[in-house]
């Protein structure tokens, strides 16, 4: 069943502007936690030279992605694959870029660690990991909306919450990923771009 969410419609154009600057012209983009599939069809259409591989851990999301894919019939959009970011192995062994939108604040910290571990393992040297969502930034006043959102998340699940940018950056560095840029986005969100260092390997 095809699902629809308002957030992908709101953030897809600002995200597209960043992706146009950082994605390669060819290769495979692995989208982790692709959700409804709206981003997958939008970005696959925007980047016809790239193979777009959506994934998600939820069966309902995989069903929705498949429905969007069937409707759009884009030649570069692959069938969705089940993928748990925290798993020790992923169904995709290599990628030229990874996109992860609005995941790490609605999952345990271990999922962020798993994302970085997997990205360090499958990204080609020079490949990028692009992440979008809310973050707390040291030395920057936190928007009241992000504080309220964090409180709401933690009331639903104590393992959830808006993450500290510095902690995410440090975890990425452990797996050979250097933070390249931080882009301010609408609604007090950020897009983070990490780049796989040539010769870097993710620790076991």
Protein backbone atom coordinates (compact mmCIF):
# COMPACT_ATOMS: atom_id res chain seq x y z
CA UNK A 1 0.00 0.00 0.00
CA UNK A 2 1.42 3.36 -1.04
CA UNK A 3 1.83 5.73 1.89
CA UNK A 4 2.30 9.48 1.88
CA UNK A 5 3.89 11.76 4.50
CA UNK A 6 4.09 15.57 4.46
CA UNK A 7 7.74 15.85 5.58
CA UNK A 8 9.31 14.46 2.38
CA UNK A 9 7.30 16.95 0.34
CA UNK A 10 8.58 19.81 2.49
CA UNK A 11 12.26 18.90 2.63
CA UNK A 12 12.89 17.31 -0.77
CA UNK A 13 13.76 20.52 -2.64
CA UNK A 14 16.23 21.84 -0.01
CA UNK A 15 17.78 18.36 0.15
CA UNK A 16 17.99 18.20 -3.63
CA UNK A 17 20.02 21.41 -3.69
CA UNK A 18 22.63 19.85 -1.36
CA UNK A 19 22.64 16.51 -3.15
CA UNK A 20 23.31 18.22 -6.48
CA UNK A 21 26.55 19.54 -4.96
CA UNK A 22 27.84 16.36 -3.31
CA UNK A 23 26.58 13.26 -5.17
CA UNK A 24 28.67 11.67 -7.92
CA UNK A 25 27.46 11.77 -11.51
CA UNK A 26 27.27 7.98 -11.70
CA UNK A 27 27.24 5.01 -9.36
CA UNK A 28 24.91 3.71 -6.66
CA UNK A 29 23.17 5.69 -3.94
CA UNK A 30 22.04 3.61 -0.97
CA UNK A 31 19.08 5.19 0.81
CA UNK A 32 18.74 3.88 4.35
CA UNK A 33 15.40 4.24 6.16
CA UNK A 34 13.66 5.28 2.94
CA UNK A 35 10.27 5.40 4.69
CA UNK A 36 7.31 5.95 2.39
CA UNK A 37 9.42 5.93 -0.77
CA UNK A 38 8.60 9.53 -1.75
CA UNK A 39 12.23 10.60 -1.57
CA UNK A 40 13.37 7.57 -3.55
CA UNK A 41 11.18 8.33 -6.56
CA UNK A 42 11.86 12.07 -6.40
CA UNK A 43 15.64 11.74 -6.22
CA UNK A 44 15.83 8.85 -8.70
CA UNK A 45 13.97 11.06 -11.17
CA UNK A 46 16.31 13.99 -10.42
CA UNK A 47 19.48 11.89 -10.88
CA UNK A 48 18.90 9.62 -13.89
CA UNK A 49 22.62 8.82 -14.08
CA UNK A 50 22.61 7.25 -10.61
CA UNK A 51 21.25 3.89 -9.52
CA UNK A 52 19.00 4.50 -6.52
CA UNK A 53 18.74 1.65 -3.99
CA UNK A 54 16.09 2.27 -1.29
CA UNK A 55 16.02 0.21 1.91
CA UNK A 56 14.07 0.12 5.16
CA UNK A 57 13.69 -2.09 8.20
CA UNK A 58 9.86 -1.87 8.34
CA UNK A 59 7.75 -4.19 6.13
CA UNK A 60 5.10 -1.48 5.74
CA UNK A 61 7.71 0.92 4.38
CA UNK A 62 9.08 -1.66 1.95
CA UNK A 63 5.53 -2.19 0.68
CA UNK A 64 5.00 1.54 0.24
CA UNK A 65 8.33 2.01 -1.56
CA UNK A 66 7.40 -0.83 -3.92
CA UNK A 67 4.05 0.83 -4.65
CA UNK A 68 5.67 4.18 -5.43
CA UNK A 69 8.26 2.43 -7.60
CA UNK A 70 5.61 0.53 -9.55
CA UNK A 71 3.67 3.72 -10.19
CA UNK A 72 6.68 5.77 -11.32
CA UNK A 73 8.43 3.01 -13.33
CA UNK A 74 11.84 4.71 -13.19
CA UNK A 75 14.59 2.59 -14.78
CA UNK A 76 17.25 3.60 -12.23
CA UNK A 77 15.12 2.94 -9.12
CA UNK A 78 15.82 -0.52 -7.71
CA UNK A 79 13.37 -2.71 -5.75
CA UNK A 80 13.59 -1.93 -2.02
CA UNK A 81 15.66 -4.15 0.23
CA UNK A 82 15.18 -4.90 3.95
CA UNK A 83 18.05 -3.32 5.88
CA UNK A 84 18.60 -2.81 9.59
CA UNK A 85 21.24 -0.12 10.03
CA UNK A 86 22.46 -1.76 13.22
CA UNK A 87 22.95 -5.19 11.62
CA UNK A 88 26.47 -6.56 11.29
CA UNK A 89 25.96 -7.11 7.57
CA UNK A 90 23.90 -5.24 4.99
CA UNK A 91 22.31 -6.59 1.78
CA UNK A 92 24.38 -4.05 -0.20
CA UNK A 93 28.15 -4.57 -0.10
CA UNK A 94 29.23 -1.35 -1.78
CA UNK A 95 27.88 2.11 -2.56
CA UNK A 96 29.15 5.40 -3.91
CA UNK A 97 26.92 7.46 -1.62
CA UNK A 98 24.48 6.93 1.24
CA UNK A 99 21.42 9.02 2.13
CA UNK A 100 19.79 8.81 5.56
CA UNK A 101 16.89 11.12 6.39
CA UNK A 102 15.18 11.55 9.77
CA UNK A 103 16.28 8.27 11.32
CA UNK A 104 18.76 8.60 14.17
CA UNK A 105 16.50 10.64 16.46
CA UNK A 106 13.70 8.05 16.27
CA UNK A 107 15.93 5.05 16.94
CA UNK A 108 18.39 4.08 19.68
CA UNK A 109 21.91 5.48 19.59
CA UNK A 110 23.08 2.01 18.55
CA UNK A 111 21.37 2.61 15.19
CA UNK A 112 23.53 5.68 14.58
CA UNK A 113 26.58 3.63 15.53
CA UNK A 114 25.47 0.90 13.15
CA UNK A 115 24.89 3.42 10.38
CA UNK A 116 28.42 4.76 10.73
CA UNK A 117 29.92 1.29 10.99
CA UNK A 118 28.10 0.15 7.86
CA UNK A 119 28.87 3.34 5.94
CA UNK A 120 32.55 2.96 6.75
CA UNK A 121 32.36 -0.60 5.45
CA UNK A 122 30.44 -0.17 2.18
CA UNK A 123 31.30 3.34 0.97
CA UNK A 124 33.90 3.66 -1.74
CA UNK A 125 36.86 5.94 -0.89
CA UNK A 126 35.68 9.50 -1.43
CA UNK A 127 32.05 8.41 -1.16
CA UNK A 128 29.69 10.50 0.94
CA UNK A 129 27.17 9.90 3.68
CA UNK A 130 24.43 12.54 3.69
CA UNK A 131 22.24 12.82 6.80
CA UNK A 132 19.25 15.09 7.40
CA UNK A 133 17.39 15.85 10.61
CA UNK A 134 17.40 17.88 13.82
CA UNK A 135 20.60 18.16 15.86
CA UNK A 136 21.80 19.92 18.97
CA UNK A 137 24.91 21.98 18.19
CA UNK A 138 27.38 22.97 20.92
CA UNK A 139 27.67 26.73 21.20
CA UNK A 140 24.48 27.38 19.25
CA UNK A 141 21.21 28.31 20.91
CA UNK A 142 18.73 25.48 20.52
CA UNK A 143 15.43 26.31 18.86
CA UNK A 144 12.47 25.87 21.25
CA UNK A 145 10.83 23.61 18.66
CA UNK A 146 13.78 21.21 18.79
CA UNK A 147 13.74 21.16 22.59
CA UNK A 148 10.03 20.35 22.55
CA UNK A 149 10.56 17.72 19.88
CA UNK A 150 13.34 16.09 21.89
CA UNK A 151 11.14 15.97 24.99
CA UNK A 152 8.31 14.44 22.97
CA UNK A 153 10.61 11.78 21.51
CA UNK A 154 12.01 10.80 24.90
CA UNK A 155 8.50 10.58 26.37
CA UNK A 156 7.66 8.02 23.66
CA UNK A 157 10.90 6.07 23.98
CA UNK A 158 13.72 6.91 26.38
CA UNK A 159 16.28 5.63 23.85
CA UNK A 160 15.18 8.20 21.27
CA UNK A 161 16.06 11.88 21.10
CA UNK A 162 17.67 14.67 19.11
CA UNK A 163 21.39 13.85 18.84
CA UNK A 164 24.39 16.03 19.51
CA UNK A 165 26.18 17.00 16.30
CA UNK A 166 29.56 16.54 17.99
CA UNK A 167 28.71 13.00 19.10
CA UNK A 168 27.54 12.04 15.60
CA UNK A 169 30.70 13.55 14.09
CA UNK A 170 32.93 11.66 16.54
CA UNK A 171 31.17 8.38 15.78
CA UNK A 172 31.60 8.98 12.05
CA UNK A 173 35.31 9.67 12.51
CA UNK A 174 35.76 6.28 14.21
CA UNK A 175 34.78 4.68 10.91
CA UNK A 176 36.87 6.77 8.53
CA UNK A 177 34.23 9.39 7.75
CA UNK A 178 35.22 13.05 7.90
CA UNK A 179 32.59 15.74 8.27
CA UNK A 180 32.74 17.87 5.14
CA UNK A 181 29.91 20.33 5.66
CA UNK A 182 26.93 21.26 7.79
CA UNK A 183 24.07 22.95 5.94
CA UNK A 184 21.26 24.83 7.68
CA UNK A 185 17.88 23.64 6.46
CA UNK A 186 14.27 24.75 6.97
CA UNK A 187 12.47 24.10 10.27
CA UNK A 188 15.71 24.08 12.30
CA UNK A 189 17.06 20.96 10.65
CA UNK A 190 20.57 20.33 9.34
CA UNK A 191 22.05 18.36 6.47
CA UNK A 192 25.39 16.76 7.33
CA UNK A 193 27.83 15.55 4.70
CA UNK A 194 30.55 13.07 5.67
CA UNK A 195 33.22 11.87 3.25
CA UNK A 196 35.02 8.50 3.38
CA UNK A 197 38.73 9.09 3.76
CA UNK A 198 40.85 7.34 1.12
CA UNK A 199 42.50 4.34 2.69
CA UNK A 200 40.28 4.45 5.78
CA UNK A 201 38.70 1.28 7.11
CA UNK A 202 35.92 0.85 9.64
CA UNK A 203 37.00 -0.83 12.91
CA UNK A 204 35.52 -4.21 13.72
